[in-house]
Amino acid sequence: MGQSQSDEEVELTDIQPLYTKFMKECPSGALHLHEFRKIFGVQSTSEDEALYMETLFKSFDTNR
């Protein structure tokens, strides 16, 4: 997808607050793209950023 691979590991302690926020905002586990952007604080100030967030969202979207 044009993204370079990272050697940086992501720790559970970094992910846990995001998961907690997600479950608080969307207890059903379902959300739309605009909700996804809101939860992660993305304002889509650039076209590249908006495309990246949409691609990321679609990679997890199960009801396309």
PDB file of N, CA and C in Angstrom:
ATOM      1  N   MET A   1       0.809  -1.190   0.000  1.00  0.00           N
ATOM      2  CA  MET A   1       0.000   0.000   0.000  1.00  0.00           C
ATOM      3  C   MET A   1       0.853   1.254   0.000  1.00  0.00           C
ATOM      4  N   GLY A   2       2.098   1.133  -0.339  1.00  0.00           N
ATOM      5  CA  GLY A   2       2.943   2.310  -0.402  1.00  0.00           C
ATOM      6  C   GLY A   2       3.494   2.751   0.937  1.00  0.00           C
ATOM      7  N   GLN A   3       3.241   1.994   1.976  1.00  0.00           N
ATOM      8  CA  GLN A   3       3.739   2.343   3.298  1.00  0.00           C
ATOM      9  C   GLN A   3       5.009   1.555   3.574  1.00  0.00           C
ATOM     10  N   SER A   4       5.994   2.211   4.138  1.00  0.00           N
ATOM     11  CA  SER A   4       7.226   1.505   4.463  1.00  0.00           C
ATOM     12  C   SER A   4       7.033   0.712   5.752  1.00  0.00           C
ATOM     13  N   GLN A   5       7.690  -0.413   5.824  1.00  0.00           N
ATOM     14  CA  GLN A   5       7.590  -1.276   6.993  1.00  0.00           C
ATOM     15  C   GLN A   5       8.375  -0.667   8.141  1.00  0.00           C
ATOM     16  N   SER A   6       7.873  -0.839   9.340  1.00  0.00           N
ATOM     17  CA  SER A   6       8.524  -0.301  10.521  1.00  0.00           C
ATOM     18  C   SER A   6       9.078  -1.438  11.368  1.00  0.00           C
ATOM     19  N   ASP A   7      10.235  -1.217  11.956  1.00  0.00           N
ATOM     20  CA  ASP A   7      10.819  -2.187  12.875  1.00  0.00           C
ATOM     21  C   ASP A   7      10.398  -1.888  14.314  1.00  0.00           C
ATOM     22  N   GLU A   8       9.630  -0.822  14.497  1.00  0.00           N
ATOM     23  CA  GLU A   8       9.209  -0.400  15.818  1.00  0.00           C
ATOM     24  C   GLU A   8       8.102  -1.315  16.345  1.00  0.00           C
ATOM     25  N   GLU A   9       8.299  -1.835  17.538  1.00  0.00           N
ATOM     26  CA  GLU A   9       7.295  -2.694  18.152  1.00  0.00           C
ATOM     27  C   GLU A   9       6.257  -1.836  18.865  1.00  0.00           C
ATOM     28  N   VAL A  10       5.032  -2.306  18.858  1.00  0.00           N
ATOM     29  CA  VAL A  10       3.955  -1.625  19.558  1.00  0.00           C
ATOM     30  C   VAL A  10       3.667  -2.411  20.828  1.00  0.00           C
ATOM     31  N   GLU A  11       3.699  -1.729  21.933  1.00  0.00           N
ATOM     32  CA  GLU A  11       3.476  -2.368  23.226  1.00  0.00           C
ATOM     33  C   GLU A  11       1.982  -2.404  23.557  1.00  0.00           C
ATOM     34  N   LEU A  12       1.578  -3.414  24.286  1.00  0.00           N
ATOM     35  CA  LEU A  12       0.194  -3.537  24.723  1.00  0.00           C
ATOM     36  C   LEU A  12      -0.235  -2.302  25.509  1.00  0.00           C
ATOM     37  N   THR A  13       0.665  -1.756  26.296  1.00  0.00           N
ATOM     38  CA  THR A  13       0.334  -0.573  27.096  1.00  0.00           C
ATOM     39  C   THR A  13       0.029   0.637  26.216  1.00  0.00           C
ATOM     40  N   ASP A  14       0.518   0.635  24.979  1.00  0.00           N
ATOM     41  CA  ASP A  14       0.208   1.715  24.041  1.00  0.00           C
ATOM     42  C   ASP A  14      -1.163   1.512  23.396  1.00  0.00           C
ATOM     43  N   ILE A  15      -1.542   0.271  23.198  1.00  0.00           N
ATOM     44  CA  ILE A  15      -2.792  -0.057  22.515  1.00  0.00           C
ATOM     45  C   ILE A  15      -3.984  -0.043  23.467  1.00  0.00           C
ATOM     46  N   GLN A  16      -3.781  -0.435  24.704  1.00  0.00           N
ATOM     47  CA  GLN A  16      -4.878  -0.581  25.662  1.00  0.00           C
ATOM     48  C   GLN A  16      -5.732   0.682  25.812  1.00  0.00           C
ATOM     49  N   PRO A  17      -5.153   1.874  25.952  1.00  0.00           N
ATOM     50  CA  PRO A  17      -6.006   3.072  26.072  1.00  0.00           C
ATOM     51  C   PRO A  17      -6.862   3.318  24.827  1.00  0.00           C
ATOM     52  N   LEU A  18      -6.333   3.003  23.656  1.00  0.00           N
ATOM     53  CA  LEU A  18      -7.115   3.157  22.426  1.00  0.00           C
ATOM     54  C   LEU A  18      -8.286   2.184  22.403  1.00  0.00           C
ATOM     55  N   TYR A  19      -8.037   0.955  22.820  1.00  0.00           N
ATOM     56  CA  TYR A  19      -9.103  -0.047  22.872  1.00  0.00           C
ATOM     57  C   TYR A  19     -10.180   0.354  23.883  1.00  0.00           C
ATOM     58  N   THR A  20      -9.754   0.824  25.042  1.00  0.00           N
ATOM     59  CA  THR A  20     -10.696   1.257  26.073  1.00  0.00           C
ATOM     60  C   THR A  20     -11.568   2.397  25.560  1.00  0.00           C
ATOM     61  N   LYS A  21     -10.948   3.358  24.890  1.00  0.00           N
ATOM     62  CA  LYS A  21     -11.695   4.482  24.318  1.00  0.00           C
ATOM     63  C   LYS A  21     -12.670   3.988  23.252  1.00  0.00           C
ATOM     64  N   PHE A  22     -12.226   3.071  22.416  1.00  0.00           N
ATOM     65  CA  PHE A  22     -13.083   2.514  21.374  1.00  0.00           C
ATOM     66  C   PHE A  22     -14.303   1.835  21.982  1.00  0.00           C
ATOM     67  N   MET A  23     -14.108   1.008  22.991  1.00  0.00           N
ATOM     68  CA  MET A  23     -15.222   0.282  23.600  1.00  0.00           C
ATOM     69  C   MET A  23     -16.177   1.230  24.330  1.00  0.00           C
ATOM     70  N   LYS A  24     -15.658   2.332  24.836  1.00  0.00           N
ATOM     71  CA  LYS A  24     -16.516   3.322  25.488  1.00  0.00           C
ATOM     72  C   LYS A  24     -17.365   4.050  24.444  1.00  0.00           C
ATOM     73  N   GLU A  25     -16.756   4.426  23.327  1.00  0.00           N
ATOM     74  CA  GLU A  25     -17.445   5.163  22.270  1.00  0.00           C
ATOM     75  C   GLU A  25     -18.363   4.265  21.447  1.00  0.00           C
ATOM     76  N   CYS A  26     -17.972   3.025  21.242  1.00  0.00           N
ATOM     77  CA  CYS A  26     -18.721   2.090  20.377  1.00  0.00           C
ATOM     78  C   CYS A  26     -18.844   0.731  21.057  1.00  0.00           C
ATOM     79  N   PRO A  27     -19.681   0.627  22.073  1.00  0.00           N
ATOM     80  CA  PRO A  27     -19.786  -0.635  22.810  1.00  0.00           C
ATOM     81  C   PRO A  27     -20.219  -1.821  21.951  1.00  0.00           C
ATOM     82  N   SER A  28     -20.918  -1.556  20.857  1.00  0.00           N
ATOM     83  CA  SER A  28     -21.333  -2.657  19.975  1.00  0.00           C
ATOM     84  C   SER A  28     -20.165  -3.174  19.146  1.00  0.00           C
ATOM     85  N   GLY A  29     -19.100  -2.388  19.083  1.00  0.00           N
ATOM     86  CA  GLY A  29     -17.949  -2.760  18.263  1.00  0.00           C
ATOM     87  C   GLY A  29     -18.076  -2.312  16.823  1.00  0.00           C
ATOM     88  N   ALA A  30     -19.194  -1.688  16.485  1.00  0.00           N
ATOM     89  CA  ALA A  30     -19.425  -1.212  15.118  1.00  0.00           C
ATOM     90  C   ALA A  30     -19.274   0.306  15.066  1.00  0.00           C
ATOM     91  N   LEU A  31     -18.626   0.784  14.015  1.00  0.00           N
ATOM     92  CA  LEU A  31     -18.501   2.217  13.838  1.00  0.00           C
ATOM     93  C   LEU A  31     -18.328   2.551  12.365  1.00  0.00           C
ATOM     94  N   HIS A  32     -18.600   3.804  12.052  1.00  0.00           N
ATOM     95  CA  HIS A  32     -18.445   4.313  10.691  1.00  0.00           C
ATOM     96  C   HIS A  32     -17.113   5.048  10.585  1.00  0.00           C
ATOM     97  N   LEU A  33     -16.715   5.346   9.353  1.00  0.00           N
ATOM     98  CA  LEU A  33     -15.434   6.009   9.115  1.00  0.00           C
ATOM     99  C   LEU A  33     -15.327   7.324   9.882  1.00  0.00           C
ATOM    100  N   HIS A  34     -16.375   8.133   9.900  1.00  0.00           N
ATOM    101  CA  HIS A  34     -16.300   9.418  10.609  1.00  0.00           C
ATOM    102  C   HIS A  34     -16.117   9.213  12.117  1.00  0.00           C
ATOM    103  N   GLU A  35     -16.691   8.151  12.667  1.00  0.00           N
ATOM    104  CA  GLU A  35     -16.502   7.840  14.081  1.00  0.00           C
ATOM    105  C   GLU A  35     -15.074   7.363  14.340  1.00  0.00           C
ATOM    106  N   PHE A  36     -14.543   6.575  13.423  1.00  0.00           N
ATOM    107  CA  PHE A  36     -13.163   6.093  13.507  1.00  0.00           C
ATOM    108  C   PHE A  36     -12.199   7.278  13.563  1.00  0.00           C
ATOM    109  N   ARG A  37     -12.409   8.241  12.676  1.00  0.00           N
ATOM    110  CA  ARG A  37     -11.553   9.440  12.661  1.00  0.00           C
ATOM    111  C   ARG A  37     -11.685  10.225  13.962  1.00  0.00           C
ATOM    112  N   LYS A  38     -12.902  10.339  14.468  1.00  0.00           N
ATOM    113  CA  LYS A  38     -13.137  11.083  15.710  1.00  0.00           C
ATOM    114  C   LYS A  38     -12.426  10.420  16.891  1.00  0.00           C
ATOM    115  N   ILE A  39     -12.557   9.111  17.013  1.00  0.00           N
ATOM    116  CA  ILE A  39     -11.942   8.380  18.125  1.00  0.00           C
ATOM    117  C   ILE A  39     -10.426   8.560  18.137  1.00  0.00           C
ATOM    118  N   PHE A  40      -9.821   8.517  16.955  1.00  0.00           N
ATOM    119  CA  PHE A  40      -8.368   8.623  16.881  1.00  0.00           C
ATOM    120  C   PHE A  40      -7.883  10.054  16.682  1.00  0.00           C
ATOM    121  N   GLY A  41      -8.799  11.020  16.750  1.00  0.00           N
ATOM    122  CA  GLY A  41      -8.427  12.428  16.706  1.00  0.00           C
ATOM    123  C   GLY A  41      -7.872  12.890  15.383  1.00  0.00           C
ATOM    124  N   VAL A  42      -8.355  12.318  14.297  1.00  0.00           N
ATOM    125  CA  VAL A  42      -7.850  12.668  12.970  1.00  0.00           C
ATOM    126  C   VAL A  42      -8.764  13.706  12.343  1.00  0.00           C
ATOM    127  N   GLN A  43      -8.178  14.833  11.961  1.00  0.00           N
ATOM    128  CA  GLN A  43      -8.940  15.908  11.341  1.00  0.00           C
ATOM    129  C   GLN A  43      -8.836  15.904   9.823  1.00  0.00           C
ATOM    130  N   SER A  44      -8.022  15.008   9.269  1.00  0.00           N
ATOM    131  CA  SER A  44      -7.818  14.902   7.819  1.00  0.00           C
ATOM    132  C   SER A  44      -7.442  16.246   7.204  1.00  0.00           C
ATOM    133  N   THR A  45      -6.353  16.798   7.693  1.00  0.00           N
ATOM    134  CA  THR A  45      -5.906  18.087   7.183  1.00  0.00           C
ATOM    135  C   THR A  45      -5.252  17.970   5.817  1.00  0.00           C
ATOM    136  N   SER A  46      -4.926  16.758   5.415  1.00  0.00           N
ATOM    137  CA  SER A  46      -4.332  16.567   4.092  1.00  0.00           C
ATOM    138  C   SER A  46      -5.020  15.410   3.381  1.00  0.00           C
ATOM    139  N   GLU A  47      -4.957  15.431   2.072  1.00  0.00           N
ATOM    140  CA  GLU A  47      -5.559  14.364   1.272  1.00  0.00           C
ATOM    141  C   GLU A  47      -4.871  13.031   1.546  1.00  0.00           C
ATOM    142  N   ASP A  48      -3.546  13.060   1.701  1.00  0.00           N
ATOM    143  CA  ASP A  48      -2.795  11.832   1.986  1.00  0.00           C
ATOM    144  C   ASP A  48      -3.216  11.223   3.324  1.00  0.00           C
ATOM    145  N   GLU A  49      -3.386  12.078   4.327  1.00  0.00           N
ATOM    146  CA  GLU A  49      -3.804  11.601   5.645  1.00  0.00           C
ATOM    147  C   GLU A  49      -5.207  10.996   5.580  1.00  0.00           C
ATOM    148  N   ALA A  50      -6.112  11.650   4.877  1.00  0.00           N
ATOM    149  CA  ALA A  50      -7.482  11.146   4.737  1.00  0.00           C
ATOM    150  C   ALA A  50      -7.489   9.793   4.033  1.00  0.00           C
ATOM    151  N   LEU A  51      -6.689   9.662   2.985  1.00  0.00           N
ATOM    152  CA  LEU A  51      -6.613   8.403   2.247  1.00  0.00           C
ATOM    153  C   LEU A  51      -6.023   7.297   3.119  1.00  0.00           C
ATOM    154  N   TYR A  52      -4.990   7.625   3.891  1.00  0.00           N
ATOM    155  CA  TYR A  52      -4.376   6.644   4.787  1.00  0.00           C
ATOM    156  C   TYR A  52      -5.386   6.147   5.822  1.00  0.00           C
ATOM    157  N   MET A  53      -6.132   7.069   6.444  1.00  0.00           N
ATOM    158  CA  MET A  53      -7.113   6.678   7.457  1.00  0.00           C
ATOM    159  C   MET A  53      -8.234   5.842   6.841  1.00  0.00           C
ATOM    160  N   GLU A  54      -8.654   6.184   5.629  1.00  0.00           N
ATOM    161  CA  GLU A  54      -9.695   5.404   4.960  1.00  0.00           C
ATOM    162  C   GLU A  54      -9.193   3.997   4.641  1.00  0.00           C
ATOM    163  N   THR A  55      -7.947   3.900   4.185  1.00  0.00           N
ATOM    164  CA  THR A  55      -7.355   2.595   3.884  1.00  0.00           C
ATOM    165  C   THR A  55      -7.236   1.756   5.151  1.00  0.00           C
ATOM    166  N   LEU A  56      -6.794   2.368   6.230  1.00  0.00           N
ATOM    167  CA  LEU A  56      -6.679   1.675   7.510  1.00  0.00           C
ATOM    168  C   LEU A  56      -8.050   1.196   7.984  1.00  0.00           C
ATOM    169  N   PHE A  57      -9.041   2.063   7.908  1.00  0.00           N
ATOM    170  CA  PHE A  57     -10.399   1.696   8.310  1.00  0.00           C
ATOM    171  C   PHE A  57     -10.916   0.524   7.486  1.00  0.00           C
ATOM    172  N   LYS A  58     -10.748   0.597   6.176  1.00  0.00           N
ATOM    173  CA  LYS A  58     -11.251  -0.454   5.286  1.00  0.00           C
ATOM    174  C   LYS A  58     -10.552  -1.791   5.511  1.00  0.00           C
ATOM    175  N   SER A  59      -9.318  -1.763   6.002  1.00  0.00           N
ATOM    176  CA  SER A  59      -8.607  -3.018   6.241  1.00  0.00           C
ATOM    177  C   SER A  59      -9.234  -3.817   7.386  1.00  0.00           C
ATOM    178  N   PHE A  60      -9.981  -3.140   8.256  1.00  0.00           N
ATOM    179  CA  PHE A  60     -10.658  -3.811   9.363  1.00  0.00           C
ATOM    180  C   PHE A  60     -12.165  -3.901   9.171  1.00  0.00           C
ATOM    181  N   ASP A  61     -12.687  -3.249   8.152  1.00  0.00           N
ATOM    182  CA  ASP A  61     -14.132  -3.207   7.905  1.00  0.00           C
ATOM    183  C   ASP A  61     -14.624  -4.581   7.465  1.00  0.00           C
ATOM    184  N   THR A  62     -15.559  -5.138   8.206  1.00  0.00           N
ATOM    185  CA  THR A  62     -16.049  -6.488   7.892  1.00  0.00           C
ATOM    186  C   THR A  62     -17.360  -6.498   7.118  1.00  0.00           C
ATOM    187  N   ASN A  63     -18.005  -5.362   6.957  1.00  0.00           N
ATOM    188  CA  ASN A  63     -19.281  -5.351   6.228  1.00  0.00           C
ATOM    189  C   ASN A  63     -19.233  -4.448   4.992  1.00  0.00           C
ATOM    190  N   ARG A  64     -18.171  -4.538   4.240  1.00  0.00           N
ATOM    191  CA  ARG A  64     -18.048  -3.695   3.044  1.00  0.00           C
ATOM    192  C   ARG A  64     -18.978  -4.155   1.972  1.00  0.00           C
TER     193      ARG A  64
END
